[in-house]
Protein backbone atom coordinates (compact mmCIF):
# COMPACT_ATOMS: atom_id res chain seq x y z
CA MET A 1 -1.45 18.08 -12.42
CA THR A 2 -3.02 15.17 -10.88
CA GLN A 3 -5.06 15.55 -8.31
CA PRO A 4 -3.24 14.15 -5.31
CA PHE A 5 -3.84 10.87 -4.06
CA ARG A 6 -4.48 11.92 -0.36
CA ARG A 7 -7.60 14.43 -1.49
CA LEU A 8 -8.96 11.78 -3.92
CA MET A 9 -8.85 9.18 -1.62
CA LYS A 10 -10.90 11.38 0.70
CA THR A 11 -13.52 12.07 -1.93
CA GLY A 12 -14.55 7.73 -1.28
CA GLU A 13 -13.72 6.27 -4.56
CA ILE A 14 -12.68 2.76 -5.42
CA LEU A 15 -9.10 2.86 -6.20
CA ILE A 16 -7.14 -0.06 -7.31
CA GLY A 17 -3.81 -0.94 -6.65
CA THR A 18 -1.17 -3.98 -6.87
CA VAL A 19 2.52 -4.91 -5.05
CA VAL A 20 5.33 -3.70 -6.96
CA THR A 21 8.52 -6.01 -5.32
CA LEU A 22 10.76 -6.11 -8.66
CA SER A 23 13.38 -3.32 -8.77
CA ALA A 24 13.37 -3.10 -13.33
CA PRO A 25 11.47 0.27 -13.67
CA GLN A 26 10.15 -0.98 -16.47
CA VAL A 27 7.72 -2.94 -13.89
CA PRO A 28 5.48 -0.05 -12.70
CA GLU A 29 5.80 1.83 -15.88
CA ILE A 30 3.82 -1.26 -16.89
CA LEU A 31 1.52 -1.84 -14.35
CA ALA A 32 0.66 2.09 -14.30
CA GLN A 33 0.05 1.89 -18.05
CA SER A 34 -2.49 -1.33 -17.77
CA GLY A 35 -4.40 1.31 -16.00
CA PHE A 36 -3.75 0.68 -11.69
CA ASP A 37 -5.15 4.06 -10.03
CA TRP A 38 -2.10 3.19 -7.54
CA LEU A 39 0.99 0.86 -6.60
CA PHE A 40 2.25 -0.58 -3.47
CA VAL A 41 5.65 -0.49 -3.16
CA ASP A 42 6.86 -3.46 -0.65
CA GLY A 43 9.91 -2.25 1.22
CA GLU A 44 9.02 -4.77 3.82
CA HIS A 45 8.95 -7.90 2.36
CA SER A 46 11.16 -7.39 -1.09
CA PRO A 47 14.95 -6.24 -1.53
CA LEU A 48 14.17 -3.10 -2.98
CA SER A 49 16.57 -0.61 -1.47
CA SER A 50 15.91 3.39 -0.94
CA SER A 51 17.32 4.07 -4.44
CA ASP A 52 15.09 1.40 -6.19
CA ILE A 53 12.03 2.63 -4.43
CA GLU A 54 12.41 6.22 -5.64
CA GLY A 55 13.41 4.81 -9.36
CA ILE A 56 9.90 2.98 -9.29
CA VAL A 57 8.13 5.89 -8.26
CA ARG A 58 10.27 7.96 -11.16
CA ALA A 59 9.45 5.26 -13.23
CA ALA A 60 5.23 4.80 -12.46
CA GLY A 61 4.89 8.62 -13.79
CA LEU A 62 1.27 10.13 -12.64
CA CYS A 63 0.84 7.00 -10.73
CA PRO A 64 0.63 7.35 -7.46
CA CYS A 65 2.36 5.47 -4.97
CA LEU A 66 2.49 4.45 -1.49
CA VAL A 67 5.45 2.40 0.46
CA ARG A 68 5.13 -0.44 2.46
CA ILE A 69 8.14 0.93 4.77
CA ARG A 70 10.58 -1.34 5.97
CA ASP A 71 9.91 -0.29 9.60
CA GLN A 72 8.10 2.15 11.56
CA SER A 73 12.04 4.13 12.05
CA GLU A 74 12.48 8.13 11.17
CA ALA A 75 14.54 6.79 8.94
CA SER A 76 12.52 4.10 6.73
CA ILE A 77 9.86 7.59 6.91
CA LYS A 78 12.00 9.68 5.58
CA SER A 79 13.68 7.83 2.98
CA ALA A 80 10.41 6.98 1.48
CA LEU A 81 8.72 9.85 1.72
CA ASP A 82 11.81 12.37 0.08
CA SER A 83 11.37 9.44 -3.22
CA GLY A 84 8.45 11.61 -3.78
CA ALA A 85 5.83 8.76 -3.01
CA ALA A 86 2.21 9.72 -2.52
CA GLY A 87 1.97 8.61 1.26
CA ILE A 88 3.41 5.74 3.30
CA ILE A 89 1.96 2.41 4.59
CA ALA A 90 3.46 1.60 8.15
CA PRO A 91 3.39 -1.99 8.94
CA PHE A 92 2.24 -3.68 12.59
CA VAL A 93 0.91 -0.83 13.77
CA ASN A 94 -0.45 -2.48 17.12
CA THR A 95 -1.59 0.90 19.05
CA ALA A 96 -2.29 4.43 19.08
CA GLU A 97 0.87 5.48 20.08
CA GLU A 98 2.42 3.97 17.41
CA ALA A 99 0.33 5.95 15.38
CA LYS A 100 0.39 8.82 16.84
CA ARG A 101 4.50 8.61 16.04
CA ILE A 102 3.53 7.67 12.71
CA VAL A 103 1.91 10.58 11.54
CA THR A 104 3.97 13.16 13.53
CA LEU A 105 7.03 11.81 11.30
CA CYS A 106 5.22 12.77 8.29
CA ARG A 107 4.86 16.08 9.03
CA TYR A 108 6.83 18.29 8.92
CA PRO A 109 6.46 21.37 11.51
CA PRO A 110 4.77 22.79 13.48
CA GLU A 111 2.59 19.99 12.75
CA GLY A 112 5.25 17.07 12.87
CA CYS A 113 8.54 16.73 13.29
CA ARG A 114 9.74 15.38 9.70
CA SER A 115 12.97 16.31 8.81
CA VAL A 116 13.75 18.61 6.03
CA GLY A 117 16.42 18.31 2.98
CA VAL A 118 16.59 18.79 -0.69
CA SER A 119 15.54 15.34 -2.17
CA ARG A 120 12.97 14.31 -5.24
CA ALA A 121 10.00 14.89 -3.68
CA ASN A 122 10.67 18.63 -3.66
CA GLY A 123 12.56 18.88 -7.30
CA TYR A 124 15.72 18.60 -5.61
CA GLY A 125 15.64 21.77 -4.08
CA MET A 126 14.42 23.71 -7.17
CA GLN A 127 10.24 23.36 -5.37
CA PHE A 128 11.69 23.56 -2.04
CA GLN A 129 8.93 26.51 -0.79
CA ASP A 130 6.14 24.71 -2.91
CA TYR A 131 6.74 21.19 -1.52
CA LEU A 132 6.96 22.16 2.40
CA ARG A 133 3.37 24.81 1.88
CA ARG A 134 1.36 21.66 0.17
CA ALA A 135 3.23 18.38 1.98
CA ASN A 136 1.63 18.18 5.50
CA SER A 137 -1.82 18.34 3.50
CA GLU A 138 -1.36 16.02 -0.06
CA THR A 139 0.77 13.17 2.17
CA SER A 140 -1.38 9.94 2.90
CA VAL A 141 -0.66 8.39 6.14
CA ILE A 142 -2.07 4.88 6.04
CA VAL A 143 -1.49 1.91 9.16
CA LEU A 144 -1.13 -1.41 8.67
CA VAL A 145 -3.53 -3.63 10.83
CA GLU A 146 -2.20 -6.90 10.88
CA HIS A 147 -2.14 -8.59 14.74
CA VAL A 148 -4.65 -9.61 16.58
CA ASP A 149 -2.98 -6.72 18.90
CA ALA A 150 -3.80 -4.47 16.52
CA VAL A 151 -7.61 -5.49 16.62
CA LYS A 152 -7.65 -5.60 20.15
CA ASN A 153 -6.66 -1.23 19.92
CA ILE A 154 -8.11 -0.15 16.74
CA GLU A 155 -11.25 1.78 18.34
CA SER A 156 -8.12 3.89 19.64
CA ILE A 157 -6.16 3.78 16.55
CA VAL A 158 -8.66 4.76 13.81
CA ARG A 159 -9.43 8.13 16.31
CA VAL A 160 -5.58 9.11 15.54
CA ALA A 161 -5.48 12.14 14.14
CA GLY A 162 -3.56 12.30 10.60
CA ILE A 163 -4.14 8.72 9.88
CA ASP A 164 -5.84 8.41 6.80
CA ALA A 165 -7.31 4.86 5.99
CA VAL A 166 -6.38 1.59 7.39
CA PHE A 167 -5.46 -0.99 5.20
CA VAL A 168 -6.14 -5.04 6.42
CA GLY A 169 -2.94 -7.45 6.48
CA PRO A 170 -5.23 -10.33 6.17
CA TYR A 171 -2.28 -13.11 6.01
CA ASP A 172 -0.24 -11.36 9.03
CA LEU A 173 -3.64 -11.11 10.79
CA SER A 174 -4.23 -14.81 10.06
CA ALA A 175 -0.40 -16.27 11.25
CA SER A 176 -0.98 -14.38 14.63
CA LEU A 177 -3.94 -16.10 15.46
CA GLY A 178 -2.46 -18.82 14.56
CA LYS A 179 -3.99 -19.98 11.23
CA PRO A 180 -1.45 -18.83 9.40
CA GLY A 181 -2.72 -18.23 5.42
CA GLU A 182 -6.07 -19.24 6.48
CA VAL A 183 -7.64 -16.00 4.81
CA ASN A 184 -11.34 -16.83 5.11
CA ASP A 185 -11.05 -18.93 8.38
CA PRO A 186 -14.42 -17.60 10.50
CA ALA A 187 -11.81 -16.16 13.45
CA VAL A 188 -9.94 -13.77 11.01
CA GLN A 189 -12.96 -12.60 8.95
CA SER A 190 -14.92 -11.28 12.29
CA CYS A 191 -11.59 -9.54 13.31
CA ILE A 192 -11.70 -8.13 10.09
CA GLU A 193 -15.27 -7.39 10.54
CA ARG A 194 -14.52 -5.49 13.85
CA VAL A 195 -11.89 -3.45 11.94
CA ARG A 196 -14.14 -2.33 8.88
CA ARG A 197 -17.10 -1.13 11.33
CA ALA A 198 -14.18 0.54 13.58
CA VAL A 199 -13.08 2.62 10.91
CA SER A 200 -16.60 3.29 9.36
CA ASP A 201 -17.51 4.75 13.03
CA ALA A 202 -14.70 6.80 11.86
CA GLY A 203 -15.27 8.30 9.01
CA ILE A 204 -11.53 7.12 7.46
CA HIS A 205 -11.12 4.92 4.68
CA ILE A 206 -10.18 0.91 4.37
CA GLY A 207 -7.95 -0.78 1.90
CA ILE A 208 -7.50 -4.47 1.99
CA PHE A 209 -5.67 -7.20 -0.19
CA GLY A 210 -6.58 -10.02 -2.50
CA MET A 211 -4.30 -12.61 -4.56
CA THR A 212 -6.72 -12.60 -6.93
CA PRO A 213 -9.64 -10.25 -7.84
CA ASP A 214 -12.36 -12.91 -6.41
CA ALA A 215 -10.67 -12.65 -3.38
CA LEU A 216 -12.35 -9.09 -3.34
CA ASP A 217 -15.02 -10.07 -4.86
CA GLY A 218 -17.58 -8.16 -2.54
CA LEU A 219 -15.36 -5.77 -0.32
CA THR A 220 -16.58 -2.40 -1.96
CA ALA A 221 -20.17 -3.07 -0.86
CA GLN A 222 -19.29 -2.72 2.37
CA GLY A 223 -16.73 -0.11 2.26
CA PHE A 224 -13.28 -1.49 1.03
CA THR A 225 -12.09 1.59 -1.41
CA LEU A 226 -8.62 0.81 -1.25
CA LEU A 227 -8.60 -2.42 -3.40
CA THR A 228 -4.85 -4.54 -4.34
CA VAL A 229 -4.96 -6.96 -5.78
CA GLY A 230 -1.74 -9.40 -6.95
CA VAL A 231 2.03 -9.28 -7.21
CA ASP A 232 4.15 -8.43 -10.33
CA THR A 233 5.95 -11.30 -9.72
CA ILE A 234 2.76 -13.85 -9.19
CA PHE A 235 1.30 -11.89 -12.00
CA LEU A 236 4.49 -12.73 -14.13
CA GLY A 237 4.49 -16.67 -12.84
CA ILE A 238 0.87 -17.09 -13.74
CA ALA A 239 1.07 -15.35 -16.93
CA ALA A 240 3.84 -17.33 -18.16
CA LYS A 241 2.61 -20.62 -16.78
CA THR A 242 -0.37 -20.36 -18.22
CA ALA A 243 1.02 -20.23 -21.86
CA PHE A 244 3.30 -22.82 -21.08
CA ASP A 245 0.49 -24.89 -19.93
CA ARG A 246 -1.35 -24.26 -23.10
CA LEU A 247 1.21 -24.87 -25.14
CA LYS A 248 1.83 -28.57 -23.37
CA ARG A 249 -1.37 -29.30 -24.47
CA ILE A 250 -1.65 -29.16 -27.85
CA PRO A 251 -1.01 -32.57 -29.51
CA ALA A 252 2.43 -32.90 -31.32
CA VAL A 253 2.44 -33.21 -34.90
CA LEU A 254 3.93 -36.63 -36.31
CA ALA A 255 7.14 -36.24 -37.81
CA GLY A 256 6.44 -36.59 -41.30
CA GLY A 257 2.95 -36.20 -40.99
């Protein structure tokens, strides 16, 4: 049995993931076989359904999946965790009150108010009691800081009991500052640094997304341990375009030459 992702995250080990947006089960299977430590299943900015997400978690096998839920609703949280995902990544968490509610919805009573039901997570009921016994201690709860309002409240957000990590969304953060896509702008970087300091002071973990490995260069030295690089569609597009462009540069053989 593999070590639960939450426990692994708490060791401070550098864990590298990538974003899954395609529903084909071959995609997470290939990415898992490529060596990624975990998969960031995007239930917010993709057309993935609850059924798609469960299929992705199943296809990923022993590679842990964290689901970025579509919103902060009880239904979104319940569906993601019932799929067997290792945890959730909650979008646009801007206050400590929102963070507390999310933690409560991720925990079974008496620690929270997560609804109890038969699902893939508990072996369709066949490991029901065992799952109930360990779910609260093994479910990862990560909040996304992707708005300037969250940065303003970050010192209180990171103190919420049950929050395991903060994940920085640099692109949405840049947009909230009126600088969409300008993730290296000084104002954006200043916000990220404030978040990093607050997370470090709270003794929890911090992650961030980068489109390329170069975008994440040097961040582990700053304390970032959850790194997410690239998106499945972009990997496919870049590889295809690289191959096509390479062949287009090969001189044509003259007919009859």
